[in-house]
Amino acid sequence: NQIEPLLANLLAPLGERGPELTATIIGFVENMQVGV
């Protein structure tokens, strides 16, 4: 769960779009199941 705040800090210069983009990327990551 620590990935999301770290990614949010990296995308902080994007302003209000940063949290939106962070949530989108995290959604992709959570949907990608490496084991299958």
Full PDB file with SEQRES, HELIX, SHEET, SSBOND, CRYST1, ORIGX, SCALE, CONECT and MASTER records, all heavy atoms in Angstrom:
SEQRES   1 A   36  ASN GLN ILE GLU PRO LEU LEU ALA ASN LEU LEU ALA PRO          
SEQRES   2 A   36  LEU GLY GLU ARG GLY PRO GLU LEU THR ALA THR ILE ILE          
SEQRES   3 A   36  GLY PHE VAL GLU ASN MET GLN VAL GLY VAL                      
HELIX    1 AA1 ILE A    3  LEU A   10  1                                   8    
HELIX    2 AA2 ALA A   12  LEU A   14  5                                   3    
HELIX    3 AA3 ARG A   17  ASN A   31  1                                  15    
CRYST1    1.000    1.000    1.000  90.00  90.00  90.00 P 1           1          
ORIGX1      1.000000  0.000000  0.000000        0.00000                         
ORIGX2      0.000000  1.000000  0.000000        0.00000                         
ORIGX3      0.000000  0.000000  1.000000        0.00000                         
SCALE1      1.000000  0.000000  0.000000        0.00000                         
SCALE2      0.000000  1.000000  0.000000        0.00000                         
SCALE3      0.000000  0.000000  1.000000        0.00000                         
ATOM      1  N   ASN A   1       0.811  -1.220   0.000  1.00  0.00           N  
ATOM      2  CA  ASN A   1       0.000   0.000   0.000  1.00  0.00           C  
ATOM      3  C   ASN A   1       0.845   1.272   0.000  1.00  0.00           C  
ATOM      4  O   ASN A   1       0.306   2.370  -0.185  1.00  0.00           O  
ATOM      5  CB  ASN A   1      -0.932   0.008   1.216  1.00  0.00           C  
ATOM      6  CG  ASN A   1      -1.990  -1.077   1.137  1.00  0.00           C  
ATOM      7  OD1 ASN A   1      -2.442  -1.441   0.051  1.00  0.00           O  
ATOM      8  ND2 ASN A   1      -2.377  -1.614   2.288  1.00  0.00           N  
ATOM      9  N   GLN A   2       2.157   1.127   0.189  1.00  0.00           N  
ATOM     10  CA  GLN A   2       3.030   2.294   0.204  1.00  0.00           C  
ATOM     11  C   GLN A   2       3.361   2.776  -1.209  1.00  0.00           C  
ATOM     12  O   GLN A   2       3.938   3.863  -1.363  1.00  0.00           O  
ATOM     13  CB  GLN A   2       4.340   1.959   0.936  1.00  0.00           C  
ATOM     14  CG  GLN A   2       4.159   1.629   2.401  1.00  0.00           C  
ATOM     15  CD  GLN A   2       3.694   2.828   3.201  1.00  0.00           C  
ATOM     16  OE1 GLN A   2       3.974   3.965   2.848  1.00  0.00           O  
ATOM     17  NE2 GLN A   2       2.965   2.574   4.280  1.00  0.00           N  
ATOM     18  N   ILE A   3       3.036   1.989  -2.235  1.00  0.00           N  
ATOM     19  CA  ILE A   3       3.349   2.407  -3.601  1.00  0.00           C  
ATOM     20  C   ILE A   3       2.548   3.644  -3.987  1.00  0.00           C  
ATOM     21  O   ILE A   3       3.067   4.570  -4.622  1.00  0.00           O  
ATOM     22  CB  ILE A   3       3.088   1.249  -4.592  1.00  0.00           C  
ATOM     23  CG1 ILE A   3       4.195   0.209  -4.480  1.00  0.00           C  
ATOM     24  CG2 ILE A   3       3.010   1.761  -6.018  1.00  0.00           C  
ATOM     25  CD1 ILE A   3       4.093  -0.895  -5.486  1.00  0.00           C  
ATOM     26  N   GLU A   4       1.281   3.670  -3.608  1.00  0.00           N  
ATOM     27  CA  GLU A   4       0.423   4.777  -4.036  1.00  0.00           C  
ATOM     28  C   GLU A   4       0.907   6.127  -3.526  1.00  0.00           C  
ATOM     29  O   GLU A   4       1.021   7.077  -4.317  1.00  0.00           O  
ATOM     30  CB  GLU A   4      -1.022   4.527  -3.600  1.00  0.00           C  
ATOM     31  CG  GLU A   4      -1.986   5.578  -4.129  1.00  0.00           C  
ATOM     32  CD  GLU A   4      -3.440   5.179  -3.915  1.00  0.00           C  
ATOM     33  OE1 GLU A   4      -3.679   4.070  -3.403  1.00  0.00           O  
ATOM     34  OE2 GLU A   4      -4.320   5.970  -4.277  1.00  0.00           O  
ATOM     35  N   PRO A   5       1.229   6.291  -2.224  1.00  0.00           N  
ATOM     36  CA  PRO A   5       1.741   7.600  -1.799  1.00  0.00           C  
ATOM     37  C   PRO A   5       3.058   7.977  -2.447  1.00  0.00           C  
ATOM     38  O   PRO A   5       3.304   9.149  -2.726  1.00  0.00           O  
ATOM     39  CB  PRO A   5       1.880   7.457  -0.277  1.00  0.00           C  
ATOM     40  CG  PRO A   5       1.672   6.034   0.045  1.00  0.00           C  
ATOM     41  CD  PRO A   5       0.991   5.383  -1.085  1.00  0.00           C  
ATOM     42  N   LEU A   6       3.938   6.977  -2.701  1.00  0.00           N  
ATOM     43  CA  LEU A   6       5.201   7.278  -3.361  1.00  0.00           C  
ATOM     44  C   LEU A   6       4.967   7.768  -4.782  1.00  0.00           C  
ATOM     45  O   LEU A   6       5.569   8.751  -5.233  1.00  0.00           O  
ATOM     46  CB  LEU A   6       6.094   6.032  -3.370  1.00  0.00           C  
ATOM     47  CG  LEU A   6       7.471   6.200  -4.031  1.00  0.00           C  
ATOM     48  CD1 LEU A   6       8.293   7.240  -3.293  1.00  0.00           C  
ATOM     49  CD2 LEU A   6       8.215   4.871  -4.078  1.00  0.00           C  
ATOM     50  N   LEU A   7       4.072   7.098  -5.509  1.00  0.00           N  
ATOM     51  CA  LEU A   7       3.752   7.521  -6.870  1.00  0.00           C  
ATOM     52  C   LEU A   7       3.074   8.891  -6.862  1.00  0.00           C  
ATOM     53  O   LEU A   7       3.317   9.717  -7.749  1.00  0.00           O  
ATOM     54  CB  LEU A   7       2.843   6.478  -7.529  1.00  0.00           C  
ATOM     55  CG  LEU A   7       2.502   6.701  -9.007  1.00  0.00           C  
ATOM     56  CD1 LEU A   7       3.759   6.699  -9.859  1.00  0.00           C  
ATOM     57  CD2 LEU A   7       1.534   5.621  -9.490  1.00  0.00           C  
ATOM     58  N   ALA A   8       2.242   9.138  -5.858  1.00  0.00           N  
ATOM     59  CA  ALA A   8       1.576  10.444  -5.758  1.00  0.00           C  
ATOM     60  C   ALA A   8       2.599  11.559  -5.569  1.00  0.00           C  
ATOM     61  O   ALA A   8       2.447  12.658  -6.128  1.00  0.00           O  
ATOM     62  CB  ALA A   8       0.577  10.430  -4.611  1.00  0.00           C  
ATOM     63  N   ASN A   9       3.643  11.287  -4.798  1.00  0.00           N  
ATOM     64  CA  ASN A   9       4.689  12.303  -4.612  1.00  0.00           C  
ATOM     65  C   ASN A   9       5.444  12.570  -5.911  1.00  0.00           C  
ATOM     66  O   ASN A   9       5.800  13.713  -6.207  1.00  0.00           O  
ATOM     67  CB  ASN A   9       5.663  11.849  -3.523  1.00  0.00           C  
ATOM     68  CG  ASN A   9       5.050  11.880  -2.143  1.00  0.00           C  
ATOM     69  OD1 ASN A   9       4.143  12.669  -1.880  1.00  0.00           O  
ATOM     70  ND2 ASN A   9       5.528  11.025  -1.251  1.00  0.00           N  
ATOM     71  N   LEU A  10       5.700  11.517  -6.681  1.00  0.00           N  
ATOM     72  CA  LEU A  10       6.401  11.694  -7.952  1.00  0.00           C  
ATOM     73  C   LEU A  10       5.567  12.490  -8.944  1.00  0.00           C  
ATOM     74  O   LEU A  10       6.103  13.236  -9.770  1.00  0.00           O  
ATOM     75  CB  LEU A  10       6.767  10.329  -8.548  1.00  0.00           C  
ATOM     76  CG  LEU A  10       7.807   9.505  -7.775  1.00  0.00           C  
ATOM     77  CD1 LEU A  10       7.988   8.143  -8.420  1.00  0.00           C  
ATOM     78  CD2 LEU A  10       9.136  10.245  -7.715  1.00  0.00           C  
ATOM     79  N   LEU A  11       4.248  12.328  -8.879  1.00  0.00           N  
ATOM     80  CA  LEU A  11       3.356  13.025  -9.811  1.00  0.00           C  
ATOM     81  C   LEU A  11       2.758  14.293  -9.205  1.00  0.00           C  
ATOM     82  O   LEU A  11       1.846  14.885  -9.794  1.00  0.00           O  
ATOM     83  CB  LEU A  11       2.219  12.083 -10.243  1.00  0.00           C  
ATOM     84  CG  LEU A  11       2.645  10.805 -10.959  1.00  0.00           C  
ATOM     85  CD1 LEU A  11       1.430   9.960 -11.328  1.00  0.00           C  
ATOM     86  CD2 LEU A  11       3.462  11.128 -12.211  1.00  0.00           C  
ATOM     87  N   ALA A  12       3.277  14.719  -8.063  1.00  0.00           N  
ATOM     88  CA  ALA A  12       2.758  15.925  -7.416  1.00  0.00           C  
ATOM     89  C   ALA A  12       2.840  17.164  -8.300  1.00  0.00           C  
ATOM     90  O   ALA A  12       1.944  18.014  -8.258  1.00  0.00           O  
ATOM     91  CB  ALA A  12       3.495  16.159  -6.097  1.00  0.00           C  
ATOM     92  N   PRO A  13       3.906  17.327  -9.132  1.00  0.00           N  
ATOM     93  CA  PRO A  13       3.950  18.513 -10.002  1.00  0.00           C  
ATOM     94  C   PRO A  13       2.817  18.584 -11.008  1.00  0.00           C  
ATOM     95  O   PRO A  13       2.645  19.631 -11.651  1.00  0.00           O  
ATOM     96  CB  PRO A  13       5.316  18.372 -10.701  1.00  0.00           C  
ATOM     97  CG  PRO A  13       6.138  17.574  -9.761  1.00  0.00           C  
ATOM     98  CD  PRO A  13       5.184  16.601  -9.150  1.00  0.00           C  
ATOM     99  N   LEU A  14       2.044  17.512 -11.186  1.00  0.00           N  
ATOM    100  CA  LEU A  14       0.922  17.556 -12.116  1.00  0.00           C  
ATOM    101  C   LEU A  14      -0.296  18.240 -11.509  1.00  0.00           C  
ATOM    102  O   LEU A  14      -1.337  18.337 -12.165  1.00  0.00           O  
ATOM    103  CB  LEU A  14       0.552  16.138 -12.560  1.00  0.00           C  
ATOM    104  CG  LEU A  14       1.648  15.333 -13.269  1.00  0.00           C  
ATOM    105  CD1 LEU A  14       1.115  13.999 -13.744  1.00  0.00           C  
ATOM    106  CD2 LEU A  14       2.227  16.114 -14.434  1.00  0.00           C  
ATOM    107  N   GLY A  15      -0.175  18.692 -10.274  1.00  0.00           N  
ATOM    108  CA  GLY A  15      -1.260  19.435  -9.648  1.00  0.00           C  
ATOM    109  C   GLY A  15      -2.469  18.571  -9.359  1.00  0.00           C  
ATOM    110  O   GLY A  15      -2.358  17.451  -8.862  1.00  0.00           O  
ATOM    111  N   GLU A  16      -3.650  19.097  -9.716  1.00  0.00           N  
ATOM    112  CA  GLU A  16      -4.894  18.380  -9.436  1.00  0.00           C  
ATOM    113  C   GLU A  16      -5.023  17.099 -10.247  1.00  0.00           C  
ATOM    114  O   GLU A  16      -5.775  16.194  -9.874  1.00  0.00           O  
ATOM    115  CB  GLU A  16      -6.080  19.294  -9.728  1.00  0.00           C  
ATOM    116  CG  GLU A  16      -6.144  20.531  -8.830  1.00  0.00           C  
ATOM    117  CD  GLU A  16      -7.322  21.419  -9.176  1.00  0.00           C  
ATOM    118  OE1 GLU A  16      -8.018  21.104 -10.167  1.00  0.00           O  
ATOM    119  OE2 GLU A  16      -7.553  22.417  -8.468  1.00  0.00           O  
ATOM    120  N   ARG A  17      -4.295  17.030 -11.339  1.00  0.00           N  
ATOM    121  CA  ARG A  17      -4.364  15.822 -12.172  1.00  0.00           C  
ATOM    122  C   ARG A  17      -3.520  14.691 -11.595  1.00  0.00           C  
ATOM    123  O   ARG A  17      -3.667  13.540 -12.000  1.00  0.00           O  
ATOM    124  CB  ARG A  17      -3.908  16.136 -13.590  1.00  0.00           C  
ATOM    125  CG  ARG A  17      -4.751  17.200 -14.277  1.00  0.00           C  
ATOM    126  CD  ARG A  17      -4.257  17.426 -15.702  1.00  0.00           C  
ATOM    127  NE  ARG A  17      -5.032  18.473 -16.347  1.00  0.00           N  
ATOM    128  CZ  ARG A  17      -6.177  18.275 -16.987  1.00  0.00           C  
ATOM    129  NH1 ARG A  17      -6.679  17.053 -17.030  1.00  0.00           N  
ATOM    130  NH2 ARG A  17      -6.809  19.278 -17.558  1.00  0.00           N  
ATOM    131  N   GLY A  18      -2.612  15.014 -10.674  1.00  0.00           N  
ATOM    132  CA  GLY A  18      -1.743  13.994 -10.097  1.00  0.00           C  
ATOM    133  C   GLY A  18      -2.495  12.884  -9.404  1.00  0.00           C  
ATOM    134  O   GLY A  18      -2.283  11.697  -9.706  1.00  0.00           O  
ATOM    135  N   PRO A  19      -3.390  13.184  -8.443  1.00  0.00           N  
ATOM    136  CA  PRO A  19      -4.138  12.108  -7.779  1.00  0.00           C  
ATOM    137  C   PRO A  19      -4.985  11.284  -8.744  1.00  0.00           C  
ATOM    138  O   PRO A  19      -5.104  10.060  -8.584  1.00  0.00           O  
ATOM    139  CB  PRO A  19      -5.022  12.875  -6.783  1.00  0.00           C  
ATOM    140  CG  PRO A  19      -4.296  14.152  -6.527  1.00  0.00           C  
ATOM    141  CD  PRO A  19      -3.635  14.501  -7.821  1.00  0.00           C  
ATOM    142  N   GLU A  20      -5.555  11.949  -9.758  1.00  0.00           N  
ATOM    143  CA  GLU A  20      -6.363  11.211 -10.740  1.00  0.00           C  
ATOM    144  C   GLU A  20      -5.518  10.221 -11.518  1.00  0.00           C  
ATOM    145  O   GLU A  20      -5.893   9.048 -11.698  1.00  0.00           O  
ATOM    146  CB  GLU A  20      -7.014  12.208 -11.697  1.00  0.00           C  
ATOM    147  CG  GLU A  20      -7.828  11.554 -12.814  1.00  0.00           C  
ATOM    148  CD  GLU A  20      -8.346  12.573 -13.815  1.00  0.00           C  
ATOM    149  OE1 GLU A  20      -8.248  13.794 -13.534  1.00  0.00           O  
ATOM    150  OE2 GLU A  20      -8.849  12.154 -14.864  1.00  0.00           O  
ATOM    151  N   LEU A  21      -4.360  10.686 -11.956  1.00  0.00           N  
ATOM    152  CA  LEU A  21      -3.479   9.801 -12.722  1.00  0.00           C  
ATOM    153  C   LEU A  21      -2.907   8.706 -11.826  1.00  0.00           C  
ATOM    154  O   LEU A  21      -2.749   7.560 -12.256  1.00  0.00           O  
ATOM    155  CB  LEU A  21      -2.354  10.626 -13.344  1.00  0.00           C  
ATOM    156  CG  LEU A  21      -1.478   9.925 -14.378  1.00  0.00           C  
ATOM    157  CD1 LEU A  21      -2.323   9.403 -15.532  1.00  0.00           C  
ATOM    158  CD2 LEU A  21      -0.408  10.871 -14.899  1.00  0.00           C  
ATOM    159  N   THR A  22      -2.601   9.045 -10.575  1.00  0.00           N  
ATOM    160  CA  THR A  22      -2.100   8.033  -9.640  1.00  0.00           C  
ATOM    161  C   THR A  22      -3.116   6.924  -9.435  1.00  0.00           C  
ATOM    162  O   THR A  22      -2.772   5.730  -9.462  1.00  0.00           O  
ATOM    163  CB  THR A  22      -1.762   8.695  -8.290  1.00  0.00           C  
ATOM    164  OG1 THR A  22      -0.766   9.698  -8.487  1.00  0.00           O  
ATOM    165  CG2 THR A  22      -1.257   7.664  -7.305  1.00  0.00           C  
ATOM    166  N   ALA A  23      -4.374   7.303  -9.245  1.00  0.00           N  
ATOM    167  CA  ALA A  23      -5.428   6.302  -9.054  1.00  0.00           C  
ATOM    168  C   ALA A  23      -5.590   5.428 -10.292  1.00  0.00           C  
ATOM    169  O   ALA A  23      -5.803   4.210 -10.193  1.00  0.00           O  
ATOM    170  CB  ALA A  23      -6.749   6.998  -8.718  1.00  0.00           C  
ATOM    171  N   THR A  24      -5.458   6.019 -11.486  1.00  0.00           N  
ATOM    172  CA  THR A  24      -5.590   5.253 -12.726  1.00  0.00           C  
ATOM    173  C   THR A  24      -4.473   4.224 -12.848  1.00  0.00           C  
ATOM    174  O   THR A  24      -4.706   3.052 -13.174  1.00  0.00           O  
ATOM    175  CB  THR A  24      -5.574   6.190 -13.936  1.00  0.00           C  
ATOM    176  OG1 THR A  24      -6.633   7.142 -13.808  1.00  0.00           O  
ATOM    177  CG2 THR A  24      -5.734   5.412 -15.230  1.00  0.00           C  
ATOM    178  N   ILE A  25      -3.227   4.657 -12.583  1.00  0.00           N  
ATOM    179  CA  ILE A  25      -2.084   3.750 -12.702  1.00  0.00           C  
ATOM    180  C   ILE A  25      -2.178   2.638 -11.665  1.00  0.00           C  
ATOM    181  O   ILE A  25      -1.927   1.457 -11.971  1.00  0.00           O  
ATOM    182  CB  ILE A  25      -0.765   4.535 -12.560  1.00  0.00           C  
ATOM    183  CG1 ILE A  25      -0.602   5.515 -13.728  1.00  0.00           C  
ATOM    184  CG2 ILE A  25       0.418   3.584 -12.496  1.00  0.00           C  
ATOM    185  CD1 ILE A  25       0.613   6.407 -13.596  1.00  0.00           C  
ATOM    186  N   ILE A  26      -2.522   2.980 -10.434  1.00  0.00           N  
ATOM    187  CA  ILE A  26      -2.656   1.967  -9.388  1.00  0.00           C  
ATOM    188  C   ILE A  26      -3.756   0.975  -9.750  1.00  0.00           C  
ATOM    189  O   ILE A  26      -3.649  -0.231  -9.480  1.00  0.00           O  
ATOM    190  CB  ILE A  26      -2.932   2.631  -8.029  1.00  0.00           C  
ATOM    191  CG1 ILE A  26      -1.700   3.418  -7.570  1.00  0.00           C  
ATOM    192  CG2 ILE A  26      -3.308   1.597  -6.991  1.00  0.00           C  
ATOM    193  CD1 ILE A  26      -0.469   2.573  -7.361  1.00  0.00           C  
ATOM    194  N   GLY A  27      -4.825   1.477 -10.388  1.00  0.00           N  
ATOM    195  CA  GLY A  27      -5.892   0.574 -10.839  1.00  0.00           C  
ATOM    196  C   GLY A  27      -5.385  -0.435 -11.850  1.00  0.00           C  
ATOM    197  O   GLY A  27      -5.722  -1.625 -11.787  1.00  0.00           O  
ATOM    198  N   PHE A  28      -4.556   0.031 -12.792  1.00  0.00           N  
ATOM    199  CA  PHE A  28      -3.956  -0.882 -13.762  1.00  0.00           C  
ATOM    200  C   PHE A  28      -3.084  -1.915 -13.066  1.00  0.00           C  
ATOM    201  O   PHE A  28      -3.099  -3.109 -13.406  1.00  0.00           O  
ATOM    202  CB  PHE A  28      -3.120  -0.110 -14.784  1.00  0.00           C  
ATOM    203  CG  PHE A  28      -3.946   0.633 -15.798  1.00  0.00           C  
ATOM    204  CD1 PHE A  28      -3.545   1.875 -16.259  1.00  0.00           C  
ATOM    205  CD2 PHE A  28      -5.119   0.096 -16.297  1.00  0.00           C  
ATOM    206  CE1 PHE A  28      -4.300   2.562 -17.192  1.00  0.00           C  
ATOM    207  CE2 PHE A  28      -5.880   0.767 -17.227  1.00  0.00           C  
ATOM    208  CZ  PHE A  28      -5.468   2.009 -17.675  1.00  0.00           C  
ATOM    209  N   VAL A  29      -2.299  -1.450 -12.095  1.00  0.00           N  
ATOM    210  CA  VAL A  29      -1.372  -2.348 -11.403  1.00  0.00           C  
ATOM    211  C   VAL A  29      -2.134  -3.410 -10.619  1.00  0.00           C  
ATOM    212  O   VAL A  29      -1.780  -4.595 -10.643  1.00  0.00           O  
ATOM    213  CB  VAL A  29      -0.454  -1.531 -10.470  1.00  0.00           C  
ATOM    214  CG1 VAL A  29       0.386  -2.462  -9.595  1.00  0.00           C  
ATOM    215  CG2 VAL A  29       0.457  -0.624 -11.288  1.00  0.00           C  
ATOM    216  N   GLU A  30      -3.192  -2.998  -9.929  1.00  0.00           N  
ATOM    217  CA  GLU A  30      -3.952  -3.952  -9.134  1.00  0.00           C  
ATOM    218  C   GLU A  30      -4.687  -4.963 -10.002  1.00  0.00           C  
ATOM    219  O   GLU A  30      -4.892  -6.112  -9.598  1.00  0.00           O  
ATOM    220  CB  GLU A  30      -4.946  -3.192  -8.248  1.00  0.00           C  
ATOM    221  CG  GLU A  30      -4.270  -2.404  -7.132  1.00  0.00           C  
ATOM    222  CD  GLU A  30      -5.269  -1.635  -6.300  1.00  0.00           C  
ATOM    223  OE1 GLU A  30      -6.422  -1.466  -6.773  1.00  0.00           O  
ATOM    224  OE2 GLU A  30      -4.914  -1.201  -5.190  1.00  0.00           O  
ATOM    225  N   ASN A  31      -5.077  -4.551 -11.205  1.00  0.00           N  
ATOM    226  CA  ASN A  31      -5.777  -5.468 -12.106  1.00  0.00           C  
ATOM    227  C   ASN A  31      -4.826  -6.439 -12.794  1.00  0.00           C  
ATOM    228  O   ASN A  31      -5.268  -7.441 -13.346  1.00  0.00           O  
ATOM    229  CB  ASN A  31      -6.560  -4.686 -13.161  1.00  0.00           C  
ATOM    230  CG  ASN A  31      -7.731  -3.929 -12.563  1.00  0.00           C  
ATOM    231  OD1 ASN A  31      -8.289  -4.357 -11.556  1.00  0.00           O  
ATOM    232  ND2 ASN A  31      -8.087  -2.812 -13.170  1.00  0.00           N  
ATOM    233  N   MET A  32      -3.524  -6.104 -12.804  1.00  0.00           N  
ATOM    234  CA  MET A  32      -2.535  -6.981 -13.439  1.00  0.00           C  
ATOM    235  C   MET A  32      -2.074  -8.006 -12.417  1.00  0.00           C  
ATOM    236  O   MET A  32      -1.362  -7.677 -11.466  1.00  0.00           O  
ATOM    237  CB  MET A  32      -1.343  -6.175 -13.962  1.00  0.00           C  
ATOM    238  CG  MET A  32      -0.265  -7.049 -14.615  1.00  0.00           C  
ATOM    239  SD  MET A  32       1.118  -6.075 -15.260  1.00  0.00           S  
ATOM    240  CE  MET A  32       0.340  -5.280 -16.641  1.00  0.00           C  
ATOM    241  N   GLN A  33      -2.477  -9.227 -12.579  1.00  0.00           N  
ATOM    242  CA  GLN A  33      -2.103 -10.305 -11.664  1.00  0.00           C  
ATOM    243  C   GLN A  33      -0.941 -11.085 -12.259  1.00  0.00           C  
ATOM    244  O   GLN A  33      -1.100 -11.832 -13.228  1.00  0.00           O  
ATOM    245  CB  GLN A  33      -3.299 -11.241 -11.424  1.00  0.00           C  
ATOM    246  CG  GLN A  33      -4.505 -10.532 -10.816  1.00  0.00           C  
ATOM    247  CD  GLN A  33      -5.655 -11.469 -10.567  1.00  0.00           C  
ATOM    248  OE1 GLN A  33      -5.483 -12.685 -10.563  1.00  0.00           O  
ATOM    249  NE2 GLN A  33      -6.840 -10.916 -10.365  1.00  0.00           N  
ATOM    250  N   VAL A  34       0.246 -10.838 -11.683  1.00  0.00           N  
ATOM    251  CA  VAL A  34       1.453 -11.471 -12.215  1.00  0.00           C  
ATOM    252  C   VAL A  34       1.369 -12.987 -12.147  1.00  0.00           C  
ATOM    253  O   VAL A  34       1.863 -13.703 -13.012  1.00  0.00           O  
ATOM    254  CB  VAL A  34       2.691 -10.957 -11.441  1.00  0.00           C  
ATOM    255  CG1 VAL A  34       3.963 -11.626 -11.943  1.00  0.00           C  
ATOM    256  CG2 VAL A  34       2.794  -9.439 -11.565  1.00  0.00           C  
ATOM    257  N   GLY A  35       0.705 -13.516 -11.130  1.00  0.00           N  
ATOM    258  CA  GLY A  35       0.669 -14.964 -10.942  1.00  0.00           C  
ATOM    259  C   GLY A  35      -0.107 -15.705 -12.001  1.00  0.00           C  
ATOM    260  O   GLY A  35       0.081 -16.918 -12.162  1.00  0.00           O  
ATOM    261  N   VAL A  36      -1.017 -15.032 -12.729  1.00  0.00           N  
ATOM    262  CA  VAL A  36      -1.829 -15.729 -13.726  1.00  0.00           C  
ATOM    263  C   VAL A  36      -1.412 -15.376 -15.150  1.00  0.00           C  
ATOM    264  O   VAL A  36      -2.114 -15.699 -16.097  1.00  0.00           O  
ATOM    265  CB  VAL A  36      -3.321 -15.382 -13.520  1.00  0.00           C  
ATOM    266  CG1 VAL A  36      -3.782 -15.835 -12.144  1.00  0.00           C  
ATOM    267  CG2 VAL A  36      -3.573 -13.890 -13.704  1.00  0.00           C  
TER     268      VAL A  36                                                      
MASTER        0    0    0    3    0    0    0    6  267    1    0    3          
END                                                                             
